[in-house]
PDB file of all heavy atoms in Angstrom:
ATOM      1  N   ASP A   1     -39.521  26.887  -1.179  1.00  0.00           N
ATOM      2  CA  ASP A   1     -38.285  27.491  -0.677  1.00  0.00           C
ATOM      3  C   ASP A   1     -38.099  28.870  -1.310  1.00  0.00           C
ATOM      4  O   ASP A   1     -38.425  29.073  -2.479  1.00  0.00           O
ATOM      5  CB  ASP A   1     -37.077  26.624  -1.030  1.00  0.00           C
ATOM      6  CG  ASP A   1     -37.048  25.319  -0.266  1.00  0.00           C
ATOM      7  OD1 ASP A   1     -37.681  25.252   0.808  1.00  0.00           O
ATOM      8  OD2 ASP A   1     -36.405  24.369  -0.744  1.00  0.00           O
ATOM      9  N   PRO A   2     -37.546  29.807  -0.560  1.00  0.00           N
ATOM     10  CA  PRO A   2     -37.248  31.118  -1.142  1.00  0.00           C
ATOM     11  C   PRO A   2     -36.220  30.969  -2.258  1.00  0.00           C
ATOM     12  O   PRO A   2     -35.410  30.030  -2.254  1.00  0.00           O
ATOM     13  CB  PRO A   2     -36.662  31.911   0.018  1.00  0.00           C
ATOM     14  CG  PRO A   2     -36.970  31.150   1.248  1.00  0.00           C
ATOM     15  CD  PRO A   2     -37.194  29.734   0.837  1.00  0.00           C
ATOM     16  N   PRO A   3     -36.197  31.889  -3.216  1.00  0.00           N
ATOM     17  CA  PRO A   3     -35.187  31.835  -4.273  1.00  0.00           C
ATOM     18  C   PRO A   3     -33.774  31.924  -3.689  1.00  0.00           C
ATOM     19  O   PRO A   3     -33.575  32.467  -2.603  1.00  0.00           O
ATOM     20  CB  PRO A   3     -35.484  33.057  -5.137  1.00  0.00           C
ATOM     21  CG  PRO A   3     -36.794  33.588  -4.684  1.00  0.00           C
ATOM     22  CD  PRO A   3     -37.086  33.007  -3.340  1.00  0.00           C
ATOM     23  N   LEU A   4     -32.812  31.414  -4.437  1.00  0.00           N
ATOM     24  CA  LEU A   4     -31.423  31.398  -3.976  1.00  0.00           C
ATOM     25  C   LEU A   4     -30.943  32.807  -3.637  1.00  0.00           C
ATOM     26  O   LEU A   4     -30.277  33.006  -2.620  1.00  0.00           O
ATOM     27  CB  LEU A   4     -30.516  30.759  -5.022  1.00  0.00           C
ATOM     28  CG  LEU A   4     -29.042  30.636  -4.657  1.00  0.00           C
ATOM     29  CD1 LEU A   4     -28.845  29.867  -3.353  1.00  0.00           C
ATOM     30  CD2 LEU A   4     -28.261  29.988  -5.790  1.00  0.00           C
ATOM     31  N   ASP A   5     -31.260  33.793  -4.451  1.00  0.00           N
ATOM     32  CA  ASP A   5     -30.827  35.170  -4.162  1.00  0.00           C
ATOM     33  C   ASP A   5     -31.296  35.629  -2.783  1.00  0.00           C
ATOM     34  O   ASP A   5     -30.543  36.246  -2.038  1.00  0.00           O
ATOM     35  CB  ASP A   5     -31.360  36.138  -5.218  1.00  0.00           C
ATOM     36  CG  ASP A   5     -30.644  36.026  -6.549  1.00  0.00           C
ATOM     37  OD1 ASP A   5     -29.709  35.213  -6.660  1.00  0.00           O
ATOM     38  OD2 ASP A   5     -31.011  36.758  -7.474  1.00  0.00           O
ATOM     39  N   ALA A   6     -32.526  35.328  -2.452  1.00  0.00           N
ATOM     40  CA  ALA A   6     -33.086  35.732  -1.156  1.00  0.00           C
ATOM     41  C   ALA A   6     -32.390  34.999  -0.017  1.00  0.00           C
ATOM     42  O   ALA A   6     -32.115  35.582   1.038  1.00  0.00           O
ATOM     43  CB  ALA A   6     -34.584  35.468  -1.117  1.00  0.00           C
ATOM     44  N   ARG A   7     -32.073  33.729  -0.214  1.00  0.00           N
ATOM     45  CA  ARG A   7     -31.399  32.959   0.839  1.00  0.00           C
ATOM     46  C   ARG A   7     -29.972  33.454   1.053  1.00  0.00           C
ATOM     47  O   ARG A   7     -29.485  33.510   2.180  1.00  0.00           O
ATOM     48  CB  ARG A   7     -31.421  31.470   0.507  1.00  0.00           C
ATOM     49  CG  ARG A   7     -32.839  30.902   0.595  1.00  0.00           C
ATOM     50  CD  ARG A   7     -32.899  29.411   0.408  1.00  0.00           C
ATOM     51  NE  ARG A   7     -32.661  29.081  -0.997  1.00  0.00           N
ATOM     52  CZ  ARG A   7     -31.804  28.146  -1.426  1.00  0.00           C
ATOM     53  NH1 ARG A   7     -31.111  27.413  -0.575  1.00  0.00           N
ATOM     54  NH2 ARG A   7     -31.664  27.901  -2.712  1.00  0.00           N
ATOM     55  N   ILE A   8     -29.290  33.839  -0.026  1.00  0.00           N
ATOM     56  CA  ILE A   8     -27.935  34.384   0.093  1.00  0.00           C
ATOM     57  C   ILE A   8     -27.973  35.702   0.862  1.00  0.00           C
ATOM     58  O   ILE A   8     -27.199  35.919   1.792  1.00  0.00           O
ATOM     59  CB  ILE A   8     -27.296  34.588  -1.300  1.00  0.00           C
ATOM     60  CG1 ILE A   8     -27.012  33.234  -1.944  1.00  0.00           C
ATOM     61  CG2 ILE A   8     -26.015  35.423  -1.185  1.00  0.00           C
ATOM     62  CD1 ILE A   8     -26.600  33.323  -3.398  1.00  0.00           C
ATOM     63  N   ASP A   9     -28.877  36.577   0.471  1.00  0.00           N
ATOM     64  CA  ASP A   9     -29.007  37.871   1.135  1.00  0.00           C
ATOM     65  C   ASP A   9     -29.292  37.693   2.620  1.00  0.00           C
ATOM     66  O   ASP A   9     -28.675  38.340   3.470  1.00  0.00           O
ATOM     67  CB  ASP A   9     -30.114  38.676   0.458  1.00  0.00           C
ATOM     68  CG  ASP A   9     -30.091  40.127   0.854  1.00  0.00           C
ATOM     69  OD1 ASP A   9     -29.018  40.761   0.757  1.00  0.00           O
ATOM     70  OD2 ASP A   9     -31.150  40.636   1.267  1.00  0.00           O
ATOM     71  N   PHE A  10     -30.188  36.790   2.958  1.00  0.00           N
ATOM     72  CA  PHE A  10     -30.534  36.522   4.353  1.00  0.00           C
ATOM     73  C   PHE A  10     -29.321  35.993   5.124  1.00  0.00           C
ATOM     74  O   PHE A  10     -29.028  36.448   6.238  1.00  0.00           O
ATOM     75  CB  PHE A  10     -31.685  35.520   4.424  1.00  0.00           C
ATOM     76  CG  PHE A  10     -32.127  35.222   5.824  1.00  0.00           C
ATOM     77  CD1 PHE A  10     -33.009  36.058   6.484  1.00  0.00           C
ATOM     78  CD2 PHE A  10     -31.652  34.099   6.493  1.00  0.00           C
ATOM     79  CE1 PHE A  10     -33.409  35.789   7.793  1.00  0.00           C
ATOM     80  CE2 PHE A  10     -32.043  33.817   7.790  1.00  0.00           C
ATOM     81  CZ  PHE A  10     -32.927  34.663   8.443  1.00  0.00           C
ATOM     82  N   ALA A  11     -28.597  35.039   4.539  1.00  0.00           N
ATOM     83  CA  ALA A  11     -27.449  34.431   5.211  1.00  0.00           C
ATOM     84  C   ALA A  11     -26.354  35.462   5.493  1.00  0.00           C
ATOM     85  O   ALA A  11     -25.777  35.474   6.577  1.00  0.00           O
ATOM     86  CB  ALA A  11     -26.898  33.283   4.365  1.00  0.00           C
ATOM     87  N   ILE A  12     -26.085  36.314   4.526  1.00  0.00           N
ATOM     88  CA  ILE A  12     -25.046  37.339   4.709  1.00  0.00           C
ATOM     89  C   ILE A  12     -25.458  38.336   5.785  1.00  0.00           C
ATOM     90  O   ILE A  12     -24.679  38.658   6.683  1.00  0.00           O
ATOM     91  CB  ILE A  12     -24.760  38.065   3.378  1.00  0.00           C
ATOM     92  CG1 ILE A  12     -24.002  37.129   2.427  1.00  0.00           C
ATOM     93  CG2 ILE A  12     -23.967  39.349   3.618  1.00  0.00           C
ATOM     94  CD1 ILE A  12     -23.846  37.676   1.029  1.00  0.00           C
ATOM     95  N   HIS A  13     -26.683  38.830   5.717  1.00  0.00           N
ATOM     96  CA  HIS A  13     -27.121  39.865   6.645  1.00  0.00           C
ATOM     97  C   HIS A  13     -27.340  39.356   8.068  1.00  0.00           C
ATOM     98  O   HIS A  13     -27.398  40.143   9.002  1.00  0.00           O
ATOM     99  CB  HIS A  13     -28.382  40.553   6.120  1.00  0.00           C
ATOM    100  CG  HIS A  13     -28.080  41.476   4.992  1.00  0.00           C
ATOM    101  ND1 HIS A  13     -28.197  41.101   3.677  1.00  0.00           N
ATOM    102  CD2 HIS A  13     -27.620  42.748   4.984  1.00  0.00           C
ATOM    103  CE1 HIS A  13     -27.838  42.107   2.915  1.00  0.00           C
ATOM    104  NE2 HIS A  13     -27.475  43.120   3.672  1.00  0.00           N
ATOM    105  N   ASN A  14     -27.442  38.059   8.227  1.00  0.00           N
ATOM    106  CA  ASN A  14     -27.660  37.505   9.561  1.00  0.00           C
ATOM    107  C   ASN A  14     -26.412  36.864  10.147  1.00  0.00           C
ATOM    108  O   ASN A  14     -26.481  36.213  11.179  1.00  0.00           O
ATOM    109  CB  ASN A  14     -28.828  36.517   9.529  1.00  0.00           C
ATOM    110  CG  ASN A  14     -30.137  37.250   9.422  1.00  0.00           C
ATOM    111  OD1 ASN A  14     -30.564  37.896  10.366  1.00  0.00           O
ATOM    112  ND2 ASN A  14     -30.748  37.197   8.258  1.00  0.00           N
ATOM    113  N   ASN A  15     -25.280  37.064   9.513  1.00  0.00           N
ATOM    114  CA  ASN A  15     -24.019  36.559  10.038  1.00  0.00           C
ATOM    115  C   ASN A  15     -23.361  37.676  10.845  1.00  0.00           C
ATOM    116  O   ASN A  15     -23.099  38.752  10.306  1.00  0.00           O
ATOM    117  CB  ASN A  15     -23.112  36.108   8.890  1.00  0.00           C
ATOM    118  CG  ASN A  15     -21.840  35.501   9.411  1.00  0.00           C
ATOM    119  OD1 ASN A  15     -21.015  36.175  10.010  1.00  0.00           O
ATOM    120  ND2 ASN A  15     -21.673  34.222   9.174  1.00  0.00           N
ATOM    121  N   PRO A  16     -23.084  37.448  12.129  1.00  0.00           N
ATOM    122  CA  PRO A  16     -22.531  38.522  12.973  1.00  0.00           C
ATOM    123  C   PRO A  16     -21.169  39.037  12.507  1.00  0.00           C
ATOM    124  O   PRO A  16     -20.827  40.189  12.769  1.00  0.00           O
ATOM    125  CB  PRO A  16     -22.436  37.885  14.358  1.00  0.00           C
ATOM    126  CG  PRO A  16     -22.450  36.415  14.122  1.00  0.00           C
ATOM    127  CD  PRO A  16     -23.240  36.199  12.863  1.00  0.00           C
ATOM    128  N   TYR A  17     -20.400  38.221  11.801  1.00  0.00           N
ATOM    129  CA  TYR A  17     -19.086  38.657  11.328  1.00  0.00           C
ATOM    130  C   TYR A  17     -19.188  39.573  10.116  1.00  0.00           C
ATOM    131  O   TYR A  17     -18.221  40.238   9.754  1.00  0.00           O
ATOM    132  CB  TYR A  17     -18.208  37.457  10.985  1.00  0.00           C
ATOM    133  CG  TYR A  17     -17.940  36.577  12.168  1.00  0.00           C
ATOM    134  CD1 TYR A  17     -18.537  35.320  12.275  1.00  0.00           C
ATOM    135  CD2 TYR A  17     -17.106  36.992  13.194  1.00  0.00           C
ATOM    136  CE1 TYR A  17     -18.304  34.513  13.376  1.00  0.00           C
ATOM    137  CE2 TYR A  17     -16.862  36.192  14.302  1.00  0.00           C
ATOM    138  CZ  TYR A  17     -17.472  34.954  14.380  1.00  0.00           C
ATOM    139  OH  TYR A  17     -17.235  34.161  15.468  1.00  0.00           O
ATOM    140  N   LEU A  18     -20.346  39.584   9.485  1.00  0.00           N
ATOM    141  CA  LEU A  18     -20.520  40.357   8.266  1.00  0.00           C
ATOM    142  C   LEU A  18     -21.496  41.518   8.441  1.00  0.00           C
ATOM    143  O   LEU A  18     -21.853  42.180   7.469  1.00  0.00           O
ATOM    144  CB  LEU A  18     -21.009  39.437   7.136  1.00  0.00           C
ATOM    145  CG  LEU A  18     -20.133  38.214   6.885  1.00  0.00           C
ATOM    146  CD1 LEU A  18     -20.775  37.306   5.854  1.00  0.00           C
ATOM    147  CD2 LEU A  18     -18.732  38.620   6.470  1.00  0.00           C
ATOM    148  N   ALA A  19     -21.904  41.770   9.664  1.00  0.00           N
ATOM    149  CA  ALA A  19     -22.877  42.826   9.944  1.00  0.00           C
ATOM    150  C   ALA A  19     -22.393  44.171   9.394  1.00  0.00           C
ATOM    151  O   ALA A  19     -21.238  44.546   9.584  1.00  0.00           O
ATOM    152  CB  ALA A  19     -23.132  42.933  11.441  1.00  0.00           C
ATOM    153  N   GLY A  20     -23.258  44.850   8.696  1.00  0.00           N
ATOM    154  CA  GLY A  20     -22.934  46.167   8.171  1.00  0.00           C
ATOM    155  C   GLY A  20     -22.140  46.163   6.883  1.00  0.00           C
ATOM    156  O   GLY A  20     -21.858  47.220   6.321  1.00  0.00           O
ATOM    157  N   ARG A  21     -21.763  45.007   6.394  1.00  0.00           N
ATOM    158  CA  ARG A  21     -20.997  44.916   5.144  1.00  0.00           C
ATOM    159  C   ARG A  21     -21.962  44.803   3.974  1.00  0.00           C
ATOM    160  O   ARG A  21     -23.027  44.215   4.082  1.00  0.00           O
ATOM    161  CB  ARG A  21     -20.073  43.700   5.145  1.00  0.00           C
ATOM    162  CG  ARG A  21     -19.064  43.705   6.252  1.00  0.00           C
ATOM    163  CD  ARG A  21     -18.049  44.787   6.008  1.00  0.00           C
ATOM    164  NE  ARG A  21     -17.117  44.849   7.124  1.00  0.00           N
ATOM    165  CZ  ARG A  21     -16.144  45.716   7.193  1.00  0.00           C
ATOM    166  NH1 ARG A  21     -15.968  46.594   6.243  1.00  0.00           N
ATOM    167  NH2 ARG A  21     -15.352  45.734   8.225  1.00  0.00           N
ATOM    168  N   ARG A  22     -21.563  45.369   2.862  1.00  0.00           N
ATOM    169  CA  ARG A  22     -22.390  45.287   1.652  1.00  0.00           C
ATOM    170  C   ARG A  22     -21.685  44.421   0.625  1.00  0.00           C
ATOM    171  O   ARG A  22     -20.494  44.590   0.375  1.00  0.00           O
ATOM    172  CB  ARG A  22     -22.621  46.671   1.076  1.00  0.00           C
ATOM    173  CG  ARG A  22     -23.487  47.498   1.980  1.00  0.00           C
ATOM    174  CD  ARG A  22     -23.915  48.724   1.274  1.00  0.00           C
ATOM    175  NE  ARG A  22     -24.891  49.388   2.125  1.00  0.00           N
ATOM    176  CZ  ARG A  22     -25.650  50.353   1.740  1.00  0.00           C
ATOM    177  NH1 ARG A  22     -25.567  50.782   0.508  1.00  0.00           N
ATOM    178  NH2 ARG A  22     -26.499  50.890   2.569  1.00  0.00           N
ATOM    179  N   PHE A  23     -22.449  43.509   0.066  1.00  0.00           N
ATOM    180  CA  PHE A  23     -21.934  42.618  -0.958  1.00  0.00           C
ATOM    181  C   PHE A  23     -22.844  42.674  -2.173  1.00  0.00           C
ATOM    182  O   PHE A  23     -24.040  42.932  -2.050  1.00  0.00           O
ATOM    183  CB  PHE A  23     -21.890  41.172  -0.446  1.00  0.00           C
ATOM    184  CG  PHE A  23     -20.960  40.965   0.703  1.00  0.00           C
ATOM    185  CD1 PHE A  23     -21.415  41.043   2.002  1.00  0.00           C
ATOM    186  CD2 PHE A  23     -19.627  40.690   0.491  1.00  0.00           C
ATOM    187  CE1 PHE A  23     -20.567  40.857   3.076  1.00  0.00           C
ATOM    188  CE2 PHE A  23     -18.763  40.494   1.556  1.00  0.00           C
ATOM    189  CZ  PHE A  23     -19.228  40.576   2.846  1.00  0.00           C
ATOM    190  N   GLN A  24     -22.275  42.420  -3.305  1.00  0.00           N
ATOM    191  CA  GLN A  24     -23.034  42.230  -4.524  1.00  0.00           C
ATOM    192  C   GLN A  24     -22.786  40.787  -4.950  1.00  0.00           C
ATOM    193  O   GLN A  24     -21.678  40.264  -4.792  1.00  0.00           O
ATOM    194  CB  GLN A  24     -22.575  43.173  -5.641  1.00  0.00           C
ATOM    195  CG  GLN A  24     -22.731  44.657  -5.320  1.00  0.00           C
ATOM    196  CD  GLN A  24     -21.590  45.183  -4.463  1.00  0.00           C
ATOM    197  OE1 GLN A  24     -20.431  44.865  -4.703  1.00  0.00           O
ATOM    198  NE2 GLN A  24     -21.918  45.943  -3.444  1.00  0.00           N
ATOM    199  N   PHE A  25     -23.800  40.159  -5.494  1.00  0.00           N
ATOM    200  CA  PHE A  25     -23.608  38.793  -5.954  1.00  0.00           C
ATOM    201  C   PHE A  25     -24.493  38.519  -7.149  1.00  0.00           C
ATOM    202  O   PHE A  25     -25.523  39.155  -7.348  1.00  0.00           O
ATOM    203  CB  PHE A  25     -23.877  37.783  -4.832  1.00  0.00           C
ATOM    204  CG  PHE A  25     -25.249  37.884  -4.232  1.00  0.00           C
ATOM    205  CD1 PHE A  25     -26.320  37.204  -4.786  1.00  0.00           C
ATOM    206  CD2 PHE A  25     -25.466  38.658  -3.108  1.00  0.00           C
ATOM    207  CE1 PHE A  25     -27.580  37.307  -4.235  1.00  0.00           C
ATOM    208  CE2 PHE A  25     -26.722  38.767  -2.540  1.00  0.00           C
ATOM    209  CZ  PHE A  25     -27.787  38.086  -3.108  1.00  0.00           C
ATOM    210  N   LYS A  26     -24.029  37.588  -7.967  1.00  0.00           N
ATOM    211  CA  LYS A  26     -24.788  37.105  -9.110  1.00  0.00           C
ATOM    212  C   LYS A  26     -24.857  35.596  -8.989  1.00  0.00           C
ATOM    213  O   LYS A  26     -23.887  34.953  -8.550  1.00  0.00           O
ATOM    214  CB  LYS A  26     -24.104  37.474 -10.424  1.00  0.00           C
ATOM    215  CG  LYS A  26     -24.054  38.964 -10.702  1.00  0.00           C
ATOM    216  CD  LYS A  26     -23.428  39.260 -12.037  1.00  0.00           C
ATOM    217  CE  LYS A  26     -21.921  39.175 -11.901  1.00  0.00           C
ATOM    218  NZ  LYS A  26     -21.166  39.592 -13.053  1.00  0.00           N
ATOM    219  N   THR A  27     -25.981  35.031  -9.362  1.00  0.00           N
ATOM    220  CA  THR A  27     -26.126  33.579  -9.322  1.00  0.00           C
ATOM    221  C   THR A  27     -26.332  33.050 -10.732  1.00  0.00           C
ATOM    222  O   THR A  27     -26.900  33.720 -11.596  1.00  0.00           O
ATOM    223  CB  THR A  27     -27.317  33.153  -8.446  1.00  0.00           C
ATOM    224  OG1 THR A  27     -28.511  33.726  -8.966  1.00  0.00           O
ATOM    225  CG2 THR A  27     -27.125  33.604  -7.007  1.00  0.00           C
ATOM    226  N   ASP A  28     -25.851  31.849 -10.951  1.00  0.00           N
ATOM    227  CA  ASP A  28     -26.101  31.125 -12.195  1.00  0.00           C
ATOM    228  C   ASP A  28     -25.936  29.640 -11.922  1.00  0.00           C
ATOM    229  O   ASP A  28     -25.134  29.261 -11.094  1.00  0.00           O
ATOM    230  CB  ASP A  28     -25.155  31.569 -13.313  1.00  0.00           C
ATOM    231  CG  ASP A  28     -23.696  31.298 -13.005  1.00  0.00           C
ATOM    232  OD1 ASP A  28     -23.374  30.189 -12.534  1.00  0.00           O
ATOM    233  OD2 ASP A  28     -22.858  32.179 -13.218  1.00  0.00           O
ATOM    234  N   GLU A  29     -26.708  28.828 -12.496  1.00  0.00           N
ATOM    235  CA  GLU A  29     -26.648  27.371 -12.375  1.00  0.00           C
ATOM    236  C   GLU A  29     -25.825  26.857 -11.190  1.00  0.00           C
ATOM    237  O   GLU A  29     -24.769  26.257 -11.361  1.00  0.00           O
ATOM    238  CB  GLU A  29     -26.138  26.763 -13.673  1.00  0.00           C
ATOM    239  CG  GLU A  29     -27.044  27.056 -14.837  1.00  0.00           C
ATOM    240  CD  GLU A  29     -26.663  26.294 -16.069  1.00  0.00           C
ATOM    241  OE1 GLU A  29     -25.986  25.256 -15.949  1.00  0.00           O
ATOM    242  OE2 GLU A  29     -27.040  26.743 -17.147  1.00  0.00           O
ATOM    243  N   ASN A  30     -26.289  27.093 -10.001  1.00  0.00           N
ATOM    244  CA  ASN A  30     -25.687  26.604  -8.755  1.00  0.00           C
ATOM    245  C   ASN A  30     -24.389  27.292  -8.358  1.00  0.00           C
ATOM    246  O   ASN A  30     -23.729  26.873  -7.419  1.00  0.00           O
ATOM    247  CB  ASN A  30     -25.469  25.094  -8.797  1.00  0.00           C
ATOM    248  CG  ASN A  30     -26.762  24.358  -8.974  1.00  0.00           C
ATOM    249  OD1 ASN A  30     -27.813  24.808  -8.522  1.00  0.00           O
ATOM    250  ND2 ASN A  30     -26.717  23.235  -9.638  1.00  0.00           N
ATOM    251  N   GLY A  31     -24.003  28.321  -9.062  1.00  0.00           N
ATOM    252  CA  GLY A  31     -22.793  29.043  -8.718  1.00  0.00           C
ATOM    253  C   GLY A  31     -23.104  30.471  -8.328  1.00  0.00           C
ATOM    254  O   GLY A  31     -24.143  31.025  -8.678  1.00  0.00           O
ATOM    255  N   VAL A  32     -22.187  31.060  -7.572  1.00  0.00           N
ATOM    256  CA  VAL A  32     -22.355  32.431  -7.093  1.00  0.00           C
ATOM    257  C   VAL A  32     -21.054  33.188  -7.321  1.00  0.00           C
ATOM    258  O   VAL A  32     -19.973  32.676  -7.035  1.00  0.00           O
ATOM    259  CB  VAL A  32     -22.700  32.456  -5.585  1.00  0.00           C
ATOM    260  CG1 VAL A  32     -22.806  33.883  -5.077  1.00  0.00           C
ATOM    261  CG2 VAL A  32     -23.969  31.679  -5.306  1.00  0.00           C
ATOM    262  N   THR A  33     -21.167  34.400  -7.852  1.00  0.00           N
ATOM    263  CA  THR A  33     -20.042  35.317  -7.935  1.00  0.00           C
ATOM    264  C   THR A  33     -20.284  36.381  -6.872  1.00  0.00           C
ATOM    265  O   THR A  33     -21.328  37.042  -6.886  1.00  0.00           O
ATOM    266  CB  THR A  33     -19.944  35.966  -9.329  1.00  0.00           C
ATOM    267  OG1 THR A  33     -19.781  34.926 -10.297  1.00  0.00           O
ATOM    268  CG2 THR A  33     -18.766  36.924  -9.397  1.00  0.00           C
ATOM    269  N   LEU A  34     -19.349  36.521  -5.955  1.00  0.00           N
ATOM    270  CA  LEU A  34     -19.494  37.417  -4.820  1.00  0.00           C
ATOM    271  C   LEU A  34     -18.476  38.545  -4.920  1.00  0.00           C
ATOM    272  O   LEU A  34     -17.293  38.293  -5.147  1.00  0.00           O
ATOM    273  CB  LEU A  34     -19.279  36.636  -3.522  1.00  0.00           C
ATOM    274  CG  LEU A  34     -19.402  37.398  -2.212  1.00  0.00           C
ATOM    275  CD1 LEU A  34     -20.839  37.896  -2.014  1.00  0.00           C
ATOM    276  CD2 LEU A  34     -18.978  36.520  -1.042  1.00  0.00           C
ATOM    277  N   GLU A  35     -18.959  39.787  -4.748  1.00  0.00           N
ATOM    278  CA  GLU A  35     -18.091  40.958  -4.784  1.00  0.00           C
ATOM    279  C   GLU A  35     -18.410  41.872  -3.609  1.00  0.00           C
ATOM    280  O   GLU A  35     -19.510  41.828  -3.069  1.00  0.00           O
ATOM    281  CB  GLU A  35     -18.285  41.721  -6.092  1.00  0.00           C
ATOM    282  CG  GLU A  35     -17.894  40.916  -7.312  1.00  0.00           C
ATOM    283  CD  GLU A  35     -18.126  41.665  -8.603  1.00  0.00           C
ATOM    284  OE1 GLU A  35     -18.933  42.616  -8.621  1.00  0.00           O
ATOM    285  OE2 GLU A  35     -17.496  41.297  -9.602  1.00  0.00           O
ATOM    286  N   GLY A  36     -17.441  42.675  -3.232  1.00  0.00           N
ATOM    287  CA  GLY A  36     -17.614  43.619  -2.135  1.00  0.00           C
ATOM    288  C   GLY A  36     -16.266  43.904  -1.508  1.00  0.00           C
ATOM    289  O   GLY A  36     -15.227  43.560  -2.051  1.00  0.00           O
ATOM    290  N   GLN A  37     -16.304  44.516  -0.346  1.00  0.00           N
ATOM    291  CA  GLN A  37     -15.063  44.820   0.375  1.00  0.00           C
ATOM    292  C   GLN A  37     -15.280  44.591   1.857  1.00  0.00           C
ATOM    293  O   GLN A  37     -16.330  44.934   2.408  1.00  0.00           O
ATOM    294  CB  GLN A  37     -14.616  46.256   0.134  1.00  0.00           C
ATOM    295  CG  GLN A  37     -13.264  46.530   0.761  1.00  0.00           C
ATOM    296  CD  GLN A  37     -12.612  47.777   0.194  1.00  0.00           C
ATOM    297  OE1 GLN A  37     -13.065  48.338  -0.789  1.00  0.00           O
ATOM    298  NE2 GLN A  37     -11.542  48.192   0.836  1.00  0.00           N
ATOM    299  N   VAL A  38     -14.278  43.989   2.484  1.00  0.00           N
ATOM    300  CA  VAL A  38     -14.306  43.727   3.921  1.00  0.00           C
ATOM    301  C   VAL A  38     -12.986  44.187   4.521  1.00  0.00           C
ATOM    302  O   VAL A  38     -12.041  44.497   3.806  1.00  0.00           O
ATOM    303  CB  VAL A  38     -14.540  42.218   4.223  1.00  0.00           C
ATOM    304  CG1 VAL A  38     -15.924  41.783   3.784  1.00  0.00           C
ATOM    305  CG2 VAL A  38     -13.473  41.359   3.583  1.00  0.00           C
ATOM    306  N   GLY A  39     -12.919  44.185   5.847  1.00  0.00           N
ATOM    307  CA  GLY A  39     -11.722  44.652   6.533  1.00  0.00           C
ATOM    308  C   GLY A  39     -10.664  43.591   6.765  1.00  0.00           C
ATOM    309  O   GLY A  39      -9.499  43.914   6.956  1.00  0.00           O
ATOM    310  N   THR A  40     -11.067  42.306   6.760  1.00  0.00           N
ATOM    311  CA  THR A  40     -10.111  41.238   7.077  1.00  0.00           C
ATOM    312  C   THR A  40     -10.311  40.037   6.159  1.00  0.00           C
ATOM    313  O   THR A  40     -11.389  39.844   5.584  1.00  0.00           O
ATOM    314  CB  THR A  40     -10.276  40.755   8.525  1.00  0.00           C
ATOM    315  OG1 THR A  40     -11.552  40.102   8.656  1.00  0.00           O
ATOM    316  CG2 THR A  40     -10.176  41.901   9.523  1.00  0.00           C
ATOM    317  N   TYR A  41      -9.263  39.221   6.062  1.00  0.00           N
ATOM    318  CA  TYR A  41      -9.366  37.981   5.295  1.00  0.00           C
ATOM    319  C   TYR A  41     -10.344  37.017   5.956  1.00  0.00           C
ATOM    320  O   TYR A  41     -10.997  36.225   5.283  1.00  0.00           O
ATOM    321  CB  TYR A  41      -7.985  37.328   5.116  1.00  0.00           C
ATOM    322  CG  TYR A  41      -7.155  38.059   4.095  1.00  0.00           C
ATOM    323  CD1 TYR A  41      -6.174  38.961   4.488  1.00  0.00           C
ATOM    324  CD2 TYR A  41      -7.370  37.868   2.737  1.00  0.00           C
ATOM    325  CE1 TYR A  41      -5.423  39.658   3.552  1.00  0.00           C
ATOM    326  CE2 TYR A  41      -6.626  38.561   1.792  1.00  0.00           C
ATOM    327  CZ  TYR A  41      -5.666  39.454   2.195  1.00  0.00           C
ATOM    328  OH  TYR A  41      -4.937  40.151   1.267  1.00  0.00           O
ATOM    329  N   PHE A  42     -10.469  37.094   7.262  1.00  0.00           N
ATOM    330  CA  PHE A  42     -11.444  36.254   7.973  1.00  0.00           C
ATOM    331  C   PHE A  42     -12.859  36.570   7.487  1.00  0.00           C
ATOM    332  O   PHE A  42     -13.647  35.664   7.229  1.00  0.00           O
ATOM    333  CB  PHE A  42     -11.331  36.476   9.483  1.00  0.00           C
ATOM    334  CG  PHE A  42     -12.351  35.705  10.275  1.00  0.00           C
ATOM    335  CD1 PHE A  42     -12.202  34.338  10.471  1.00  0.00           C
ATOM    336  CD2 PHE A  42     -13.455  36.338  10.805  1.00  0.00           C
ATOM    337  CE1 PHE A  42     -13.153  33.622  11.185  1.00  0.00           C
ATOM    338  CE2 PHE A  42     -14.409  35.634  11.528  1.00  0.00           C
ATOM    339  CZ  PHE A  42     -14.255  34.267  11.714  1.00  0.00           C
ATOM    340  N   GLN A  43     -13.183  37.849   7.354  1.00  0.00           N
ATOM    341  CA  GLN A  43     -14.512  38.226   6.869  1.00  0.00           C
ATOM    342  C   GLN A  43     -14.726  37.768   5.434  1.00  0.00           C
ATOM    343  O   GLN A  43     -15.823  37.340   5.075  1.00  0.00           O
ATOM    344  CB  GLN A  43     -14.705  39.740   6.971  1.00  0.00           C
ATOM    345  CG  GLN A  43     -14.844  40.214   8.401  1.00  0.00           C
ATOM    346  CD  GLN A  43     -14.883  41.727   8.500  1.00  0.00           C
ATOM    347  OE1 GLN A  43     -14.123  42.419   7.826  1.00  0.00           O
ATOM    348  NE2 GLN A  43     -15.761  42.229   9.346  1.00  0.00           N
ATOM    349  N   LYS A  44     -13.706  37.840   4.622  1.00  0.00           N
ATOM    350  CA  LYS A  44     -13.807  37.357   3.244  1.00  0.00           C
ATOM    351  C   LYS A  44     -14.140  35.869   3.240  1.00  0.00           C
ATOM    352  O   LYS A  44     -15.023  35.409   2.523  1.00  0.00           O
ATOM    353  CB  LYS A  44     -12.497  37.615   2.495  1.00  0.00           C
ATOM    354  CG  LYS A  44     -12.505  37.082   1.074  1.00  0.00           C
ATOM    355  CD  LYS A  44     -11.220  37.397   0.341  1.00  0.00           C
ATOM    356  CE  LYS A  44     -11.289  36.827  -1.077  1.00  0.00           C
ATOM    357  NZ  LYS A  44     -10.223  37.339  -1.931  1.00  0.00           N
ATOM    358  N   GLN A  45     -13.437  35.113   4.070  1.00  0.00           N
ATOM    359  CA  GLN A  45     -13.674  33.671   4.157  1.00  0.00           C
ATOM    360  C   GLN A  45     -15.068  33.376   4.721  1.00  0.00           C
ATOM    361  O   GLN A  45     -15.747  32.469   4.254  1.00  0.00           O
ATOM    362  CB  GLN A  45     -12.594  33.010   5.014  1.00  0.00           C
ATOM    363  CG  GLN A  45     -12.658  31.502   5.044  1.00  0.00           C
ATOM    364  CD  GLN A  45     -12.357  30.889   3.687  1.00  0.00           C
ATOM    365  OE1 GLN A  45     -11.593  31.432   2.898  1.00  0.00           O
ATOM    366  NE2 GLN A  45     -12.947  29.752   3.411  1.00  0.00           N
TER     367      GLN A  45
END
């Protein structure tokens, strides 16, 4: 399986609601810290 970081990046970039958005994330023991900016609360969710 690809590493978790690669799977997160793929999932974000292939979601039509998040197209063109940039996120930063850190992973640790099954957890993810996600940062960035979006236009709506729906996109955040």
